[in-house]
Amino acid sequence: MGFINEMGHAVRNGVKYLPLLRNLISRNLKKKYRSSVLGYMWCVLSPLLVMLIMNFVFSEMFKRSIPNYPVYLVSGRIMFFFITGSTQSMSRSIVGNGTLMRKTRVPYHMFSLASLGTAAVDFLFSLIAFVIVLVFTKTPVSIHVVAFPLVVLLMFLFCYGLGMLLAVANTFIKDVGQIYGVFTTAWMYLTPIFYTVDSLPERARSLITQFNPAYAFVQMTRSIFLDHQWPFNELMVMSLCWTGLFLILGLVAYARGRDQLILYV
């Protein structure tokens, strides 16, 4: 019941402080892109440039053939880098807003939610790059695409839970953010973004498919856009389990540490 109460409390606060949330997201975006000439265009250009480079490296130099590799690469990249980018940002959200926390009486998790919202805006722009790749490669889009918003919603909830857990932990133990930054590098190579999981040894394949949360979200996206299949399979069950687990951990961690957070920022 405690988890359900915390979830309801978070939703009510999100609605109550929606104007503040919009202002925080706007502030984060302006701060992020204020020194950039291209601004939001980098969210579109970055995946396209990476796709061109990786396509050359793996399709030409290494002669590794993956059907429709540009879509394979970009679909994995945008999902994975939203997960790691949003959660890394959320891990610093409470520590980085100590001044505002002392001046305003708002729920502290709103700062973490604003970081997630900022990453969501970047994600929407990256989808433009994804659409460009789909059009350029003449990839057909089937009715299965209607399931993609559900995959995205589950990914957002997973990131919220993991991000809240990291935000609370990083407030009490400042090394958590640094350790997580190193972990995400290893996580990237343990996620089949630019290679196929079938190319790995059996033991490594089993570990990735069973214990890598990002794998489920990446593969469900590919099943929709490349395989033209509904993602309602073991991958969906896996993503639901990971999402539920980290939502519980994140919200319980915040509930238990909420009253002490202000003492550590």
C-alpha atoms as a PDB file:
ATOM      1  CA  MET A   1       0.000   0.000   0.000  1.00  0.00           C
ATOM      2  CA  GLY A   2       2.909   2.350   0.669  1.00  0.00           C
ATOM      3  CA  PHE A   3       4.061   2.094  -2.943  1.00  0.00           C
ATOM      4  CA  ILE A   4       0.554   2.748  -4.272  1.00  0.00           C
ATOM      5  CA  ASN A   5       0.191   5.785  -1.997  1.00  0.00           C
ATOM      6  CA  GLU A   6       3.544   7.168  -3.143  1.00  0.00           C
ATOM      7  CA  MET A   7       2.609   6.618  -6.788  1.00  0.00           C
ATOM      8  CA  GLY A   8      -0.688   8.425  -6.303  1.00  0.00           C
ATOM      9  CA  HIS A   9       1.098  11.205  -4.423  1.00  0.00           C
ATOM     10  CA  ALA A  10       3.590  11.621  -7.290  1.00  0.00           C
ATOM     11  CA  VAL A  11       0.806  11.799  -9.889  1.00  0.00           C
ATOM     12  CA  ARG A  12      -1.168  14.372  -7.868  1.00  0.00           C
ATOM     13  CA  ASN A  13       1.909  16.532  -7.409  1.00  0.00           C
ATOM     14  CA  GLY A  14       2.692  16.279 -11.100  1.00  0.00           C
ATOM     15  CA  VAL A  15      -0.729  17.693 -11.925  1.00  0.00           C
ATOM     16  CA  LYS A  16      -0.715  20.276  -9.138  1.00  0.00           C
ATOM     17  CA  TYR A  17       2.718  21.655 -10.028  1.00  0.00           C
ATOM     18  CA  LEU A  18       2.390  21.333 -13.797  1.00  0.00           C
ATOM     19  CA  PRO A  19       3.186  25.042 -14.448  1.00  0.00           C
ATOM     20  CA  LEU A  20       6.340  24.717 -12.335  1.00  0.00           C
ATOM     21  CA  LEU A  21       7.275  21.540 -14.192  1.00  0.00           C
ATOM     22  CA  ARG A  22       6.950  23.318 -17.544  1.00  0.00           C
ATOM     23  CA  ASN A  23       9.139  26.170 -16.294  1.00  0.00           C
ATOM     24  CA  LEU A  24      11.791  23.770 -15.005  1.00  0.00           C
ATOM     25  CA  ILE A  25      11.865  21.869 -18.297  1.00  0.00           C
ATOM     26  CA  SER A  26      12.100  25.144 -20.227  1.00  0.00           C
ATOM     27  CA  ARG A  27      14.963  26.279 -17.976  1.00  0.00           C
ATOM     28  CA  ASN A  28      16.800  22.989 -18.464  1.00  0.00           C
ATOM     29  CA  LEU A  29      16.455  23.161 -22.236  1.00  0.00           C
ATOM     30  CA  LYS A  30      17.640  26.771 -22.413  1.00  0.00           C
ATOM     31  CA  LYS A  31      20.602  25.965 -20.192  1.00  0.00           C
ATOM     32  CA  LYS A  32      21.499  22.919 -22.260  1.00  0.00           C
ATOM     33  CA  TYR A  33      21.385  24.615 -25.662  1.00  0.00           C
ATOM     34  CA  ARG A  34      22.168  28.265 -24.904  1.00  0.00           C
ATOM     35  CA  SER A  35      25.770  27.990 -26.181  1.00  0.00           C
ATOM     36  CA  SER A  36      24.887  25.833 -29.182  1.00  0.00           C
ATOM     37  CA  VAL A  37      24.521  27.322 -32.661  1.00  0.00           C
ATOM     38  CA  LEU A  38      22.333  24.486 -33.957  1.00  0.00           C
ATOM     39  CA  GLY A  39      20.424  24.019 -30.692  1.00  0.00           C
ATOM     40  CA  TYR A  40      17.675  21.406 -30.924  1.00  0.00           C
ATOM     41  CA  MET A  41      18.897  20.372 -34.360  1.00  0.00           C
ATOM     42  CA  TRP A  42      21.652  18.378 -32.644  1.00  0.00           C
ATOM     43  CA  CYS A  43      18.972  15.987 -31.372  1.00  0.00           C
ATOM     44  CA  VAL A  44      18.193  15.214 -35.013  1.00  0.00           C
ATOM     45  CA  LEU A  45      21.693  15.437 -36.466  1.00  0.00           C
ATOM     46  CA  SER A  46      23.500  13.402 -33.793  1.00  0.00           C
ATOM     47  CA  PRO A  47      21.718  10.066 -34.448  1.00  0.00           C
ATOM     48  CA  LEU A  48      21.992  10.625 -38.195  1.00  0.00           C
ATOM     49  CA  LEU A  49      25.736  11.279 -38.060  1.00  0.00           C
ATOM     50  CA  VAL A  50      26.332   8.302 -35.779  1.00  0.00           C
ATOM     51  CA  MET A  51      24.233   6.123 -38.083  1.00  0.00           C
ATOM     52  CA  LEU A  52      26.331   7.136 -41.106  1.00  0.00           C
ATOM     53  CA  ILE A  53      29.618   6.442 -39.315  1.00  0.00           C
ATOM     54  CA  MET A  54      28.543   3.144 -37.756  1.00  0.00           C
ATOM     55  CA  ASN A  55      26.928   2.017 -40.997  1.00  0.00           C
ATOM     56  CA  PHE A  56      30.253   2.549 -42.770  1.00  0.00           C
ATOM     57  CA  VAL A  57      32.276   0.866 -40.026  1.00  0.00           C
ATOM     58  CA  PHE A  58      30.169  -2.265 -39.625  1.00  0.00           C
ATOM     59  CA  SER A  59      28.667  -2.651 -43.089  1.00  0.00           C
ATOM     60  CA  GLU A  60      31.713  -1.729 -45.156  1.00  0.00           C
ATOM     61  CA  MET A  61      34.912  -2.071 -43.119  1.00  0.00           C
ATOM     62  CA  PHE A  62      33.955  -5.191 -41.168  1.00  0.00           C
ATOM     63  CA  LYS A  63      31.658  -6.602 -43.857  1.00  0.00           C
ATOM     64  CA  ARG A  64      29.090  -7.467 -41.217  1.00  0.00           C
ATOM     65  CA  SER A  65      25.673  -7.751 -42.808  1.00  0.00           C
ATOM     66  CA  ILE A  66      22.617  -6.868 -40.740  1.00  0.00           C
ATOM     67  CA  PRO A  67      19.418  -6.375 -42.762  1.00  0.00           C
ATOM     68  CA  ASN A  68      18.407  -2.710 -42.896  1.00  0.00           C
ATOM     69  CA  TYR A  69      21.294  -1.768 -40.630  1.00  0.00           C
ATOM     70  CA  PRO A  70      20.532   2.003 -40.521  1.00  0.00           C
ATOM     71  CA  VAL A  71      17.090   1.380 -38.985  1.00  0.00           C
ATOM     72  CA  TYR A  72      18.514  -1.364 -36.759  1.00  0.00           C
ATOM     73  CA  LEU A  73      21.164   1.002 -35.422  1.00  0.00           C
ATOM     74  CA  VAL A  74      19.059   4.145 -34.973  1.00  0.00           C
ATOM     75  CA  SER A  75      16.141   2.311 -33.346  1.00  0.00           C
ATOM     76  CA  GLY A  76      18.470   0.815 -30.748  1.00  0.00           C
ATOM     77  CA  ARG A  77      20.420   4.003 -30.222  1.00  0.00           C
ATOM     78  CA  ILE A  78      17.511   6.366 -29.565  1.00  0.00           C
ATOM     79  CA  MET A  79      15.928   3.998 -27.041  1.00  0.00           C
ATOM     80  CA  PHE A  80      19.148   3.184 -25.192  1.00  0.00           C
ATOM     81  CA  PHE A  81      20.451   6.730 -25.034  1.00  0.00           C
ATOM     82  CA  PHE A  82      17.134   8.006 -23.735  1.00  0.00           C
ATOM     83  CA  ILE A  83      17.369   5.483 -20.893  1.00  0.00           C
ATOM     84  CA  THR A  84      20.926   6.363 -19.937  1.00  0.00           C
ATOM     85  CA  GLY A  85      20.680  10.094 -20.691  1.00  0.00           C
ATOM     86  CA  SER A  86      17.493  10.640 -18.717  1.00  0.00           C
ATOM     87  CA  THR A  87      18.600   8.602 -15.705  1.00  0.00           C
ATOM     88  CA  GLN A  88      22.034  10.259 -15.591  1.00  0.00           C
ATOM     89  CA  SER A  89      20.341  13.662 -15.643  1.00  0.00           C
ATOM     90  CA  MET A  90      17.885  12.587 -12.950  1.00  0.00           C
ATOM     91  CA  SER A  91      20.727  11.318 -10.754  1.00  0.00           C
ATOM     92  CA  ARG A  92      21.986  14.925 -10.493  1.00  0.00           C
ATOM     93  CA  SER A  93      18.575  16.578 -10.302  1.00  0.00           C
ATOM     94  CA  ILE A  94      18.189  16.868  -6.525  1.00  0.00           C
ATOM     95  CA  VAL A  95      21.821  17.700  -5.761  1.00  0.00           C
ATOM     96  CA  GLY A  96      21.874  20.289  -8.541  1.00  0.00           C
ATOM     97  CA  ASN A  97      18.773  22.119  -7.309  1.00  0.00           C
ATOM     98  CA  GLY A  98      19.718  22.619  -3.675  1.00  0.00           C
ATOM     99  CA  THR A  99      19.291  26.397  -3.865  1.00  0.00           C
ATOM    100  CA  LEU A 100      15.747  26.112  -5.227  1.00  0.00           C
ATOM    101  CA  MET A 101      14.908  23.447  -2.677  1.00  0.00           C
ATOM    102  CA  ARG A 102      15.798  25.854   0.131  1.00  0.00           C
ATOM    103  CA  LYS A 103      13.831  28.747  -1.365  1.00  0.00           C
ATOM    104  CA  THR A 104      10.644  26.967  -2.461  1.00  0.00           C
ATOM    105  CA  ARG A 105       8.296  24.527  -0.798  1.00  0.00           C
ATOM    106  CA  VAL A 106       7.682  22.062  -3.612  1.00  0.00           C
ATOM    107  CA  PRO A 107       8.078  18.272  -3.695  1.00  0.00           C
ATOM    108  CA  TYR A 108      11.709  17.486  -4.390  1.00  0.00           C
ATOM    109  CA  HIS A 109      10.858  14.829  -6.947  1.00  0.00           C
ATOM    110  CA  MET A 110       9.584  17.565  -9.264  1.00  0.00           C
ATOM    111  CA  PHE A 111      13.201  18.396 -10.085  1.00  0.00           C
ATOM    112  CA  SER A 112      13.811  14.792 -11.094  1.00  0.00           C
ATOM    113  CA  LEU A 113      10.612  14.755 -13.119  1.00  0.00           C
ATOM    114  CA  ALA A 114      11.754  17.926 -14.889  1.00  0.00           C
ATOM    115  CA  SER A 115      15.002  16.198 -15.859  1.00  0.00           C
ATOM    116  CA  LEU A 116      13.004  13.313 -17.278  1.00  0.00           C
ATOM    117  CA  GLY A 117      10.762  15.762 -19.135  1.00  0.00           C
ATOM    118  CA  THR A 118      13.790  17.509 -20.620  1.00  0.00           C
ATOM    119  CA  ALA A 119      15.131  14.178 -21.863  1.00  0.00           C
ATOM    120  CA  ALA A 120      11.682  13.404 -23.278  1.00  0.00           C
ATOM    121  CA  VAL A 121      11.805  16.577 -25.411  1.00  0.00           C
ATOM    122  CA  ASP A 122      15.192  15.503 -26.772  1.00  0.00           C
ATOM    123  CA  PHE A 123      13.741  12.057 -27.438  1.00  0.00           C
ATOM    124  CA  LEU A 124      10.898  13.538 -29.489  1.00  0.00           C
ATOM    125  CA  PHE A 125      13.421  15.379 -31.664  1.00  0.00           C
ATOM    126  CA  SER A 126      15.456  12.186 -32.078  1.00  0.00           C
ATOM    127  CA  LEU A 127      12.308  10.506 -33.405  1.00  0.00           C
ATOM    128  CA  ILE A 128      12.451  12.968 -36.293  1.00  0.00           C
ATOM    129  CA  ALA A 129      15.844  11.506 -37.198  1.00  0.00           C
ATOM    130  CA  PHE A 130      14.328   8.031 -36.916  1.00  0.00           C
ATOM    131  CA  VAL A 131      11.529   8.954 -39.315  1.00  0.00           C
ATOM    132  CA  ILE A 132      14.082  10.389 -41.751  1.00  0.00           C
ATOM    133  CA  VAL A 133      15.986   7.085 -41.687  1.00  0.00           C
ATOM    134  CA  LEU A 134      12.760   5.126 -42.206  1.00  0.00           C
ATOM    135  CA  VAL A 135      11.913   7.251 -45.241  1.00  0.00           C
ATOM    136  CA  PHE A 136      15.440   7.226 -46.668  1.00  0.00           C
ATOM    137  CA  THR A 137      15.726   3.425 -46.401  1.00  0.00           C
ATOM    138  CA  LYS A 138      12.164   2.981 -47.728  1.00  0.00           C
ATOM    139  CA  THR A 139      11.258   0.889 -44.698  1.00  0.00           C
ATOM    140  CA  PRO A 140       7.549   0.023 -44.730  1.00  0.00           C
ATOM    141  CA  VAL A 141       5.519   0.907 -41.647  1.00  0.00           C
ATOM    142  CA  SER A 142       2.813  -1.522 -40.599  1.00  0.00           C
ATOM    143  CA  ILE A 143      -0.174  -1.340 -38.266  1.00  0.00           C
ATOM    144  CA  HIS A 144       2.118  -2.629 -35.497  1.00  0.00           C
ATOM    145  CA  VAL A 145       3.478   0.899 -35.082  1.00  0.00           C
ATOM    146  CA  VAL A 146       0.458   1.720 -32.907  1.00  0.00           C
ATOM    147  CA  ALA A 147       2.087  -0.365 -30.155  1.00  0.00           C
ATOM    148  CA  PHE A 148       5.175   1.859 -30.089  1.00  0.00           C
ATOM    149  CA  PRO A 149       3.659   4.487 -27.724  1.00  0.00           C
ATOM    150  CA  LEU A 150       3.063   1.711 -25.184  1.00  0.00           C
ATOM    151  CA  VAL A 151       6.721   0.682 -25.399  1.00  0.00           C
ATOM    152  CA  VAL A 152       7.743   4.324 -24.944  1.00  0.00           C
ATOM    153  CA  LEU A 153       5.407   4.744 -21.965  1.00  0.00           C
ATOM    154  CA  LEU A 154       6.868   1.695 -20.244  1.00  0.00           C
ATOM    155  CA  MET A 155      10.366   2.993 -20.943  1.00  0.00           C
ATOM    156  CA  PHE A 156       9.476   6.382 -19.423  1.00  0.00           C
ATOM    157  CA  LEU A 157       8.115   4.730 -16.272  1.00  0.00           C
ATOM    158  CA  PHE A 158      11.183   2.513 -16.015  1.00  0.00           C
ATOM    159  CA  CYS A 159      13.441   5.561 -16.321  1.00  0.00           C
ATOM    160  CA  TYR A 160      11.411   7.458 -13.725  1.00  0.00           C
ATOM    161  CA  GLY A 161      11.815   4.648 -11.200  1.00  0.00           C
ATOM    162  CA  LEU A 162      15.517   4.118 -11.878  1.00  0.00           C
ATOM    163  CA  GLY A 163      16.148   7.865 -12.018  1.00  0.00           C
ATOM    164  CA  MET A 164      14.460   8.496  -8.670  1.00  0.00           C
ATOM    165  CA  LEU A 165      16.493   5.718  -7.070  1.00  0.00           C
ATOM    166  CA  LEU A 166      19.701   7.248  -8.444  1.00  0.00           C
ATOM    167  CA  ALA A 167      18.679  10.794  -7.473  1.00  0.00           C
ATOM    168  CA  VAL A 168      18.114   9.818  -3.848  1.00  0.00           C
ATOM    169  CA  ALA A 169      21.236   7.646  -3.662  1.00  0.00           C
ATOM    170  CA  ASN A 170      23.413  10.327  -5.279  1.00  0.00           C
ATOM    171  CA  THR A 171      22.182  12.906  -2.779  1.00  0.00           C
ATOM    172  CA  PHE A 172      23.389  10.865   0.170  1.00  0.00           C
ATOM    173  CA  ILE A 173      26.449   9.343  -1.535  1.00  0.00           C
ATOM    174  CA  LYS A 174      27.929  11.687  -4.127  1.00  0.00           C
ATOM    175  CA  ASP A 175      30.008   8.909  -5.723  1.00  0.00           C
ATOM    176  CA  VAL A 176      26.875   7.220  -7.055  1.00  0.00           C
ATOM    177  CA  GLY A 177      26.606   9.588 -10.005  1.00  0.00           C
ATOM    178  CA  GLN A 178      30.236   9.000 -11.011  1.00  0.00           C
ATOM    179  CA  ILE A 179      29.907   5.239 -10.677  1.00  0.00           C
ATOM    180  CA  TYR A 180      26.718   5.245 -12.730  1.00  0.00           C
ATOM    181  CA  GLY A 181      28.459   7.207 -15.482  1.00  0.00           C
ATOM    182  CA  VAL A 182      31.089   4.454 -15.747  1.00  0.00           C
ATOM    183  CA  PHE A 183      28.382   1.785 -15.560  1.00  0.00           C
ATOM    184  CA  THR A 184      26.454   3.255 -18.501  1.00  0.00           C
ATOM    185  CA  THR A 185      29.538   2.886 -20.710  1.00  0.00           C
ATOM    186  CA  ALA A 186      29.696  -0.824 -19.931  1.00  0.00           C
ATOM    187  CA  TRP A 187      25.902  -1.023 -20.274  1.00  0.00           C
ATOM    188  CA  MET A 188      26.120   0.355 -23.816  1.00  0.00           C
ATOM    189  CA  TYR A 189      28.469  -2.417 -24.936  1.00  0.00           C
ATOM    190  CA  LEU A 190      26.307  -5.007 -23.198  1.00  0.00           C
ATOM    191  CA  THR A 191      23.265  -3.878 -25.179  1.00  0.00           C
ATOM    192  CA  PRO A 192      22.915  -5.002 -28.825  1.00  0.00           C
ATOM    193  CA  ILE A 193      22.807  -1.524 -30.337  1.00  0.00           C
ATOM    194  CA  PHE A 194      25.299  -1.931 -33.178  1.00  0.00           C
ATOM    195  CA  TYR A 195      25.613  -5.727 -33.154  1.00  0.00           C
ATOM    196  CA  THR A 196      23.158  -8.620 -32.972  1.00  0.00           C
ATOM    197  CA  VAL A 197      22.681 -10.630 -29.808  1.00  0.00           C
ATOM    198  CA  ASP A 198      22.848 -13.816 -31.905  1.00  0.00           C
ATOM    199  CA  SER A 199      26.512 -13.091 -32.654  1.00  0.00           C
ATOM    200  CA  LEU A 200      27.421 -13.565 -28.977  1.00  0.00           C
ATOM    201  CA  PRO A 201      28.350 -16.783 -27.170  1.00  0.00           C
ATOM    202  CA  GLU A 202      25.464 -18.610 -25.546  1.00  0.00           C
ATOM    203  CA  ARG A 203      26.319 -17.574 -21.984  1.00  0.00           C
ATOM    204  CA  ALA A 204      26.698 -13.881 -22.850  1.00  0.00           C
ATOM    205  CA  ARG A 205      23.493 -13.977 -24.899  1.00  0.00           C
ATOM    206  CA  SER A 206      21.594 -15.502 -21.987  1.00  0.00           C
ATOM    207  CA  LEU A 207      22.861 -12.872 -19.520  1.00  0.00           C
ATOM    208  CA  ILE A 208      21.955  -9.966 -21.811  1.00  0.00           C
ATOM    209  CA  THR A 209      18.500 -11.207 -22.725  1.00  0.00           C
ATOM    210  CA  GLN A 210      17.574 -11.999 -19.115  1.00  0.00           C
ATOM    211  CA  PHE A 211      19.310  -9.317 -17.040  1.00  0.00           C
ATOM    212  CA  ASN A 212      19.570  -6.250 -19.268  1.00  0.00           C
ATOM    213  CA  PRO A 213      16.461  -4.039 -18.972  1.00  0.00           C
ATOM    214  CA  ALA A 214      17.447  -1.947 -22.003  1.00  0.00           C
ATOM    215  CA  TYR A 215      17.471  -5.060 -24.189  1.00  0.00           C
ATOM    216  CA  ALA A 216      13.711  -5.495 -23.871  1.00  0.00           C
ATOM    217  CA  PHE A 217      12.899  -1.914 -24.916  1.00  0.00           C
ATOM    218  CA  VAL A 218      15.372  -1.978 -27.812  1.00  0.00           C
ATOM    219  CA  GLN A 219      14.178  -5.312 -29.149  1.00  0.00           C
ATOM    220  CA  MET A 220      10.477  -4.452 -28.862  1.00  0.00           C
ATOM    221  CA  THR A 221      11.110  -1.338 -30.953  1.00  0.00           C
ATOM    222  CA  ARG A 222      12.891  -3.396 -33.596  1.00  0.00           C
ATOM    223  CA  SER A 223      10.156  -6.020 -33.620  1.00  0.00           C
ATOM    224  CA  ILE A 224       7.674  -3.249 -34.433  1.00  0.00           C
ATOM    225  CA  PHE A 225       9.616  -1.398 -37.130  1.00  0.00           C
ATOM    226  CA  LEU A 226      11.781  -4.158 -38.629  1.00  0.00           C
ATOM    227  CA  ASP A 227       9.939  -7.420 -38.027  1.00  0.00           C
ATOM    228  CA  HIS A 228       6.431  -5.912 -38.196  1.00  0.00           C
ATOM    229  CA  GLN A 229       5.308  -7.901 -35.171  1.00  0.00           C
ATOM    230  CA  TRP A 230       3.353  -7.059 -32.056  1.00  0.00           C
ATOM    231  CA  PRO A 231       5.650  -6.712 -29.017  1.00  0.00           C
ATOM    232  CA  PHE A 232       3.238  -8.561 -26.751  1.00  0.00           C
ATOM    233  CA  ASN A 233       5.561 -11.425 -25.900  1.00  0.00           C
ATOM    234  CA  GLU A 234       8.210 -12.333 -23.324  1.00  0.00           C
ATOM    235  CA  LEU A 235       9.932  -9.016 -23.992  1.00  0.00           C
ATOM    236  CA  MET A 236       6.828  -7.148 -22.868  1.00  0.00           C
ATOM    237  CA  VAL A 237       6.618  -9.285 -19.731  1.00  0.00           C
ATOM    238  CA  MET A 238      10.283  -8.594 -19.045  1.00  0.00           C
ATOM    239  CA  SER A 239       9.860  -4.840 -19.502  1.00  0.00           C
ATOM    240  CA  LEU A 240       6.816  -4.825 -17.214  1.00  0.00           C
ATOM    241  CA  CYS A 241       8.795  -6.658 -14.527  1.00  0.00           C
ATOM    242  CA  TRP A 242      11.780  -4.309 -14.765  1.00  0.00           C
ATOM    243  CA  THR A 243       9.514  -1.256 -14.796  1.00  0.00           C
ATOM    244  CA  GLY A 244       7.525  -2.410 -11.791  1.00  0.00           C
ATOM    245  CA  LEU A 245      10.680  -3.304  -9.864  1.00  0.00           C
ATOM    246  CA  PHE A 246      12.403   0.044 -10.348  1.00  0.00           C
ATOM    247  CA  LEU A 247       9.226   2.058  -9.808  1.00  0.00           C
ATOM    248  CA  ILE A 248       8.871   0.390  -6.413  1.00  0.00           C
ATOM    249  CA  LEU A 249      12.552   0.853  -5.546  1.00  0.00           C
ATOM    250  CA  GLY A 250      12.620   4.480  -6.697  1.00  0.00           C
ATOM    251  CA  LEU A 251       9.440   5.599  -4.976  1.00  0.00           C
ATOM    252  CA  VAL A 252      10.197   3.729  -1.741  1.00  0.00           C
ATOM    253  CA  ALA A 253      13.721   5.196  -1.660  1.00  0.00           C
ATOM    254  CA  TYR A 254      12.316   8.693  -2.144  1.00  0.00           C
ATOM    255  CA  ALA A 255       9.628   8.196   0.512  1.00  0.00           C
ATOM    256  CA  ARG A 256      12.169   7.031   3.084  1.00  0.00           C
ATOM    257  CA  GLY A 257      14.779   9.662   2.337  1.00  0.00           C
ATOM    258  CA  ARG A 258      12.534  12.628   1.538  1.00  0.00           C
ATOM    259  CA  ASP A 259      12.816  14.381   4.906  1.00  0.00           C
ATOM    260  CA  GLN A 260      16.619  14.159   4.972  1.00  0.00           C
ATOM    261  CA  LEU A 261      17.378  15.205   1.384  1.00  0.00           C
ATOM    262  CA  ILE A 262      17.479  18.923   2.194  1.00  0.00           C
ATOM    263  CA  LEU A 263      20.313  18.264   4.682  1.00  0.00           C
ATOM    264  CA  TYR A 264      22.619  16.865   1.991  1.00  0.00           C
ATOM    265  CA  VAL A 265      22.247  19.333  -0.888  1.00  0.00           C
END
